Amino acid sequence: MEPNLARVPADGDADARAILDLARDGVTADLLGCMIYRDARVLSLYGAHNVTVALRRGSASLLREALLATAIAQAVHASDDRDVMVGLATYYFAAEQLGLVPAKVFDDVASSLPDGWVPDLLREFGTRNDITLESFGWLLVETADGPDFLPAPPPWAGEYKRDEGE
């Protein structure tokens, strides 16, 4: 498996930024209601890609924007809460590395959204004190261009090795 920047395409970033511009003064129910799956996908990819970029650049504003993109994507096309939390761990870690208080970052983004399960999850997740990359299935790796996130192999992956003759 490759790290985020090699694995997550950035070819929809312009579309994601256009949607984020519409959400500059807050995300409305009307804005969410007019979005389609493709919009959620480009926002999700934008968030996953730019959490790494924000960490590398030391950019709190880009981190917040990436988290907002992810939050909007989830509000439009929901995933399982547990799957969402796995991804949120990278934002939590990046916030800590940038010297930010994760609870504040997550609450700021949640405050931009209409009421619902996504802002509730962001607020709850941001206040946790048990978040580590490892506990949510991530590794921090150093690439030639800087730090990046890599999904960790499942703990059982090394247990079952096939013989070449099978």
C-alpha atoms as a PDB file:
ATOM      1  CA  MET A   1       0.000   0.000   0.000  1.00  0.00           C
ATOM      2  CA  GLU A   2       1.222   3.474  -0.814  1.00  0.00           C
ATOM      3  CA  PRO A   3       1.176   6.580   1.419  1.00  0.00           C
ATOM      4  CA  ASN A   4      -1.710   9.053   1.072  1.00  0.00           C
ATOM      5  CA  LEU A   5      -0.169  11.463  -1.411  1.00  0.00           C
ATOM      6  CA  ALA A   6       0.788   8.655  -3.784  1.00  0.00           C
ATOM      7  CA  ARG A   7      -2.498   6.803  -3.265  1.00  0.00           C
ATOM      8  CA  VAL A   8      -5.092   9.605  -3.133  1.00  0.00           C
ATOM      9  CA  PRO A   9      -5.540  11.528  -6.394  1.00  0.00           C
ATOM     10  CA  ALA A  10      -5.695  15.315  -6.364  1.00  0.00           C
ATOM     11  CA  ASP A  11      -7.297  15.667  -9.776  1.00  0.00           C
ATOM     12  CA  GLY A  12     -10.605  16.889  -8.299  1.00  0.00           C
ATOM     13  CA  ASP A  13      -9.060  19.556  -6.076  1.00  0.00           C
ATOM     14  CA  ALA A  14     -10.317  22.458  -8.191  1.00  0.00           C
ATOM     15  CA  ASP A  15     -13.885  21.169  -7.942  1.00  0.00           C
ATOM     16  CA  ALA A  16     -13.510  20.625  -4.198  1.00  0.00           C
ATOM     17  CA  ARG A  17     -12.173  24.161  -3.712  1.00  0.00           C
ATOM     18  CA  ALA A  18     -15.136  25.557  -5.669  1.00  0.00           C
ATOM     19  CA  ILE A  19     -17.525  23.759  -3.307  1.00  0.00           C
ATOM     20  CA  LEU A  20     -15.559  24.936  -0.280  1.00  0.00           C
ATOM     21  CA  ASP A  21     -15.814  28.516  -1.589  1.00  0.00           C
ATOM     22  CA  LEU A  22     -19.599  28.122  -1.532  1.00  0.00           C
ATOM     23  CA  ALA A  23     -19.309  26.991   2.092  1.00  0.00           C
ATOM     24  CA  ARG A  24     -17.049  29.865   3.141  1.00  0.00           C
ATOM     25  CA  ASP A  25     -19.720  31.488   5.335  1.00  0.00           C
ATOM     26  CA  GLY A  26     -21.045  28.174   6.626  1.00  0.00           C
ATOM     27  CA  VAL A  27     -22.527  25.040   5.200  1.00  0.00           C
ATOM     28  CA  THR A  28     -26.286  25.240   4.748  1.00  0.00           C
ATOM     29  CA  ALA A  29     -28.800  22.437   4.434  1.00  0.00           C
ATOM     30  CA  ASP A  30     -29.585  23.821   0.956  1.00  0.00           C
ATOM     31  CA  LEU A  31     -25.949  23.463  -0.107  1.00  0.00           C
ATOM     32  CA  LEU A  32     -25.815  19.895   1.190  1.00  0.00           C
ATOM     33  CA  GLY A  33     -29.125  19.113  -0.491  1.00  0.00           C
ATOM     34  CA  CYS A  34     -27.915  20.031  -3.955  1.00  0.00           C
ATOM     35  CA  MET A  35     -24.752  17.938  -3.826  1.00  0.00           C
ATOM     36  CA  ILE A  36     -24.381  14.594  -5.540  1.00  0.00           C
ATOM     37  CA  TYR A  37     -22.138  11.608  -4.915  1.00  0.00           C
ATOM     38  CA  ARG A  38     -19.394  12.997  -7.193  1.00  0.00           C
ATOM     39  CA  ASP A  39     -19.242  16.159  -5.064  1.00  0.00           C
ATOM     40  CA  ALA A  40     -18.859  14.068  -1.913  1.00  0.00           C
ATOM     41  CA  ARG A  41     -16.126  12.027  -3.574  1.00  0.00           C
ATOM     42  CA  VAL A  42     -14.005  15.012  -4.676  1.00  0.00           C
ATOM     43  CA  LEU A  43     -14.395  16.562  -1.208  1.00  0.00           C
ATOM     44  CA  SER A  44     -13.417  13.323   0.488  1.00  0.00           C
ATOM     45  CA  LEU A  45     -10.334  12.923  -1.703  1.00  0.00           C
ATOM     46  CA  TYR A  46      -9.434  16.585  -1.191  1.00  0.00           C
ATOM     47  CA  GLY A  47      -9.570  16.125   2.580  1.00  0.00           C
ATOM     48  CA  ALA A  48      -7.572  12.895   2.586  1.00  0.00           C
ATOM     49  CA  HIS A  49      -4.909  14.399   0.316  1.00  0.00           C
ATOM     50  CA  ASN A  50      -4.611  17.758   2.013  1.00  0.00           C
ATOM     51  CA  VAL A  51      -4.351  16.564   5.601  1.00  0.00           C
ATOM     52  CA  THR A  52      -0.867  15.403   4.595  1.00  0.00           C
ATOM     53  CA  VAL A  53      -0.113  18.634   2.736  1.00  0.00           C
ATOM     54  CA  ALA A  54      -1.227  20.650   5.788  1.00  0.00           C
ATOM     55  CA  LEU A  55       1.061  18.613   8.030  1.00  0.00           C
ATOM     56  CA  ARG A  56       4.022  19.128   5.684  1.00  0.00           C
ATOM     57  CA  ARG A  57       3.421  22.870   5.311  1.00  0.00           C
ATOM     58  CA  GLY A  58       2.528  23.442   8.946  1.00  0.00           C
ATOM     59  CA  SER A  59      -0.725  25.022   7.762  1.00  0.00           C
ATOM     60  CA  ALA A  60      -3.554  25.222  10.295  1.00  0.00           C
ATOM     61  CA  SER A  61      -5.874  26.847   7.733  1.00  0.00           C
ATOM     62  CA  LEU A  62      -5.340  24.055   5.197  1.00  0.00           C
ATOM     63  CA  LEU A  63      -5.901  21.465   7.926  1.00  0.00           C
ATOM     64  CA  ARG A  64      -9.249  23.073   8.829  1.00  0.00           C
ATOM     65  CA  GLU A  65     -10.211  23.264   5.150  1.00  0.00           C
ATOM     66  CA  ALA A  66      -9.317  19.598   4.613  1.00  0.00           C
ATOM     67  CA  LEU A  67     -11.338  18.571   7.670  1.00  0.00           C
ATOM     68  CA  LEU A  68     -14.285  20.672   6.483  1.00  0.00           C
ATOM     69  CA  ALA A  69     -14.127  18.985   3.078  1.00  0.00           C
ATOM     70  CA  THR A  70     -14.213  15.583   4.748  1.00  0.00           C
ATOM     71  CA  ALA A  71     -17.070  16.624   7.024  1.00  0.00           C
ATOM     72  CA  ILE A  72     -19.169  17.937   4.125  1.00  0.00           C
ATOM     73  CA  ALA A  73     -18.489  14.749   2.175  1.00  0.00           C
ATOM     74  CA  GLN A  74     -19.770  12.678   5.082  1.00  0.00           C
ATOM     75  CA  ALA A  75     -22.853  14.860   5.489  1.00  0.00           C
ATOM     76  CA  VAL A  76     -23.660  14.326   1.797  1.00  0.00           C
ATOM     77  CA  HIS A  77     -22.819  10.630   1.487  1.00  0.00           C
ATOM     78  CA  ALA A  78     -22.514   9.039   4.898  1.00  0.00           C
ATOM     79  CA  SER A  79     -20.141   6.251   5.823  1.00  0.00           C
ATOM     80  CA  ASP A  80     -20.163   4.143   8.932  1.00  0.00           C
ATOM     81  CA  ASP A  81     -19.176   6.174  12.028  1.00  0.00           C
ATOM     82  CA  ARG A  82     -16.276   3.825  12.703  1.00  0.00           C
ATOM     83  CA  ASP A  83     -14.892   4.256   9.188  1.00  0.00           C
ATOM     84  CA  VAL A  84     -15.176   8.032   9.523  1.00  0.00           C
ATOM     85  CA  MET A  85     -13.286   7.970  12.822  1.00  0.00           C
ATOM     86  CA  VAL A  86     -10.442   5.994  11.235  1.00  0.00           C
ATOM     87  CA  GLY A  87      -9.906   8.851   8.784  1.00  0.00           C
ATOM     88  CA  LEU A  88     -10.381  11.543  11.433  1.00  0.00           C
ATOM     89  CA  ALA A  89      -7.400  10.201  13.363  1.00  0.00           C
ATOM     90  CA  THR A  90      -5.031  11.697  10.769  1.00  0.00           C
ATOM     91  CA  TYR A  91      -6.562  15.167  11.260  1.00  0.00           C
ATOM     92  CA  TYR A  92      -6.348  14.803  15.040  1.00  0.00           C
ATOM     93  CA  PHE A  93      -2.677  13.810  14.787  1.00  0.00           C
ATOM     94  CA  ALA A  94      -1.887  16.633  12.349  1.00  0.00           C
ATOM     95  CA  ALA A  95      -3.589  19.167  14.643  1.00  0.00           C
ATOM     96  CA  GLU A  96      -1.417  18.031  17.542  1.00  0.00           C
ATOM     97  CA  GLN A  97       1.730  18.184  15.408  1.00  0.00           C
ATOM     98  CA  LEU A  98       0.860  21.741  14.363  1.00  0.00           C
ATOM     99  CA  GLY A  99       0.520  22.756  18.025  1.00  0.00           C
ATOM    100  CA  LEU A 100      -3.258  23.108  17.782  1.00  0.00           C
ATOM    101  CA  VAL A 101      -5.849  21.847  20.235  1.00  0.00           C
ATOM    102  CA  PRO A 102      -7.732  19.110  18.344  1.00  0.00           C
ATOM    103  CA  ALA A 103     -10.971  19.776  20.262  1.00  0.00           C
ATOM    104  CA  LYS A 104     -10.924  23.398  19.085  1.00  0.00           C
ATOM    105  CA  VAL A 105     -10.164  22.500  15.456  1.00  0.00           C
ATOM    106  CA  PHE A 106     -12.891  19.866  15.348  1.00  0.00           C
ATOM    107  CA  ASP A 107     -15.397  22.150  17.103  1.00  0.00           C
ATOM    108  CA  ASP A 108     -14.620  25.040  14.717  1.00  0.00           C
ATOM    109  CA  VAL A 109     -15.331  22.819  11.725  1.00  0.00           C
ATOM    110  CA  ALA A 110     -18.427  21.318  13.368  1.00  0.00           C
ATOM    111  CA  SER A 111     -19.749  24.845  13.950  1.00  0.00           C
ATOM    112  CA  SER A 112     -19.694  25.422  10.177  1.00  0.00           C
ATOM    113  CA  LEU A 113     -22.182  22.602   9.596  1.00  0.00           C
ATOM    114  CA  PRO A 114     -25.915  22.318  10.121  1.00  0.00           C
ATOM    115  CA  ASP A 115     -26.995  20.171  13.065  1.00  0.00           C
ATOM    116  CA  GLY A 116     -26.671  16.447  12.559  1.00  0.00           C
ATOM    117  CA  TRP A 117     -24.568  13.396  13.212  1.00  0.00           C
ATOM    118  CA  VAL A 118     -21.431  14.744  11.469  1.00  0.00           C
ATOM    119  CA  PRO A 119     -20.894  17.816  13.680  1.00  0.00           C
ATOM    120  CA  ASP A 120     -21.813  15.723  16.726  1.00  0.00           C
ATOM    121  CA  LEU A 121     -19.191  13.126  15.772  1.00  0.00           C
ATOM    122  CA  LEU A 122     -16.563  15.815  15.112  1.00  0.00           C
ATOM    123  CA  ARG A 123     -17.111  17.415  18.514  1.00  0.00           C
ATOM    124  CA  GLU A 124     -17.023  14.094  20.334  1.00  0.00           C
ATOM    125  CA  PHE A 125     -13.957  12.841  18.469  1.00  0.00           C
ATOM    126  CA  GLY A 126     -12.056  16.088  18.937  1.00  0.00           C
ATOM    127  CA  THR A 127     -12.369  15.911  22.725  1.00  0.00           C
ATOM    128  CA  ARG A 128     -11.073  12.358  23.040  1.00  0.00           C
ATOM    129  CA  ASN A 129      -7.676  11.831  24.624  1.00  0.00           C
ATOM    130  CA  ASP A 130      -7.023   8.302  23.366  1.00  0.00           C
ATOM    131  CA  ILE A 131      -6.373   9.081  19.701  1.00  0.00           C
ATOM    132  CA  THR A 132      -3.174   7.699  18.218  1.00  0.00           C
ATOM    133  CA  LEU A 133      -2.405   6.856  14.637  1.00  0.00           C
ATOM    134  CA  GLU A 134      -1.610   3.284  15.584  1.00  0.00           C
ATOM    135  CA  SER A 135      -4.889   2.706  17.414  1.00  0.00           C
ATOM    136  CA  PHE A 136      -6.806   3.808  14.316  1.00  0.00           C
ATOM    137  CA  GLY A 137      -4.773   1.786  11.828  1.00  0.00           C
ATOM    138  CA  TRP A 138      -2.301   4.364  10.514  1.00  0.00           C
ATOM    139  CA  LEU A 139       1.449   4.687  10.286  1.00  0.00           C
ATOM    140  CA  LEU A 140       3.371   7.924   9.906  1.00  0.00           C
ATOM    141  CA  VAL A 141       6.045   7.392   7.277  1.00  0.00           C
ATOM    142  CA  GLU A 142       8.827   9.651   6.096  1.00  0.00           C
ATOM    143  CA  THR A 143       8.954   9.942   2.315  1.00  0.00           C
ATOM    144  CA  ALA A 144      11.451  11.827   0.184  1.00  0.00           C
ATOM    145  CA  ASP A 145       9.042  14.792   0.230  1.00  0.00           C
ATOM    146  CA  GLY A 146       8.184  14.703   3.922  1.00  0.00           C
ATOM    147  CA  PRO A 147       5.843  12.949   6.324  1.00  0.00           C
ATOM    148  CA  ASP A 148       2.822  11.061   5.046  1.00  0.00           C
ATOM    149  CA  PHE A 149       0.158   8.715   6.347  1.00  0.00           C
ATOM    150  CA  LEU A 150       0.083   5.059   5.416  1.00  0.00           C
ATOM    151  CA  PRO A 151      -2.728   2.649   6.256  1.00  0.00           C
ATOM    152  CA  ALA A 152      -1.243   0.018   8.545  1.00  0.00           C
ATOM    153  CA  PRO A 153      -1.555  -3.594   7.495  1.00  0.00           C
ATOM    154  CA  PRO A 154      -4.054  -5.495   9.605  1.00  0.00           C
ATOM    155  CA  PRO A 155      -2.465  -7.235  12.590  1.00  0.00           C
ATOM    156  CA  TRP A 156      -3.189 -10.651  11.153  1.00  0.00           C
ATOM    157  CA  ALA A 157      -1.666  -9.933   7.712  1.00  0.00           C
ATOM    158  CA  GLY A 158       1.675 -11.517   8.548  1.00  0.00           C
ATOM    159  CA  GLU A 159       0.162 -14.647  10.082  1.00  0.00           C
ATOM    160  CA  TYR A 160      -1.013 -16.327   6.888  1.00  0.00           C
ATOM    161  CA  LYS A 161       1.707 -16.676   4.304  1.00  0.00           C
ATOM    162  CA  ARG A 162       1.067 -18.767   1.251  1.00  0.00           C
ATOM    163  CA  ASP A 163       3.618 -21.255   0.072  1.00  0.00           C
ATOM    164  CA  GLU A 164       4.816 -20.662  -3.453  1.00  0.00           C
ATOM    165  CA  GLY A 165       3.405 -24.050  -4.496  1.00  0.00           C
ATOM    166  CA  GLU A 166      -0.202 -23.248  -3.454  1.00  0.00           C
END
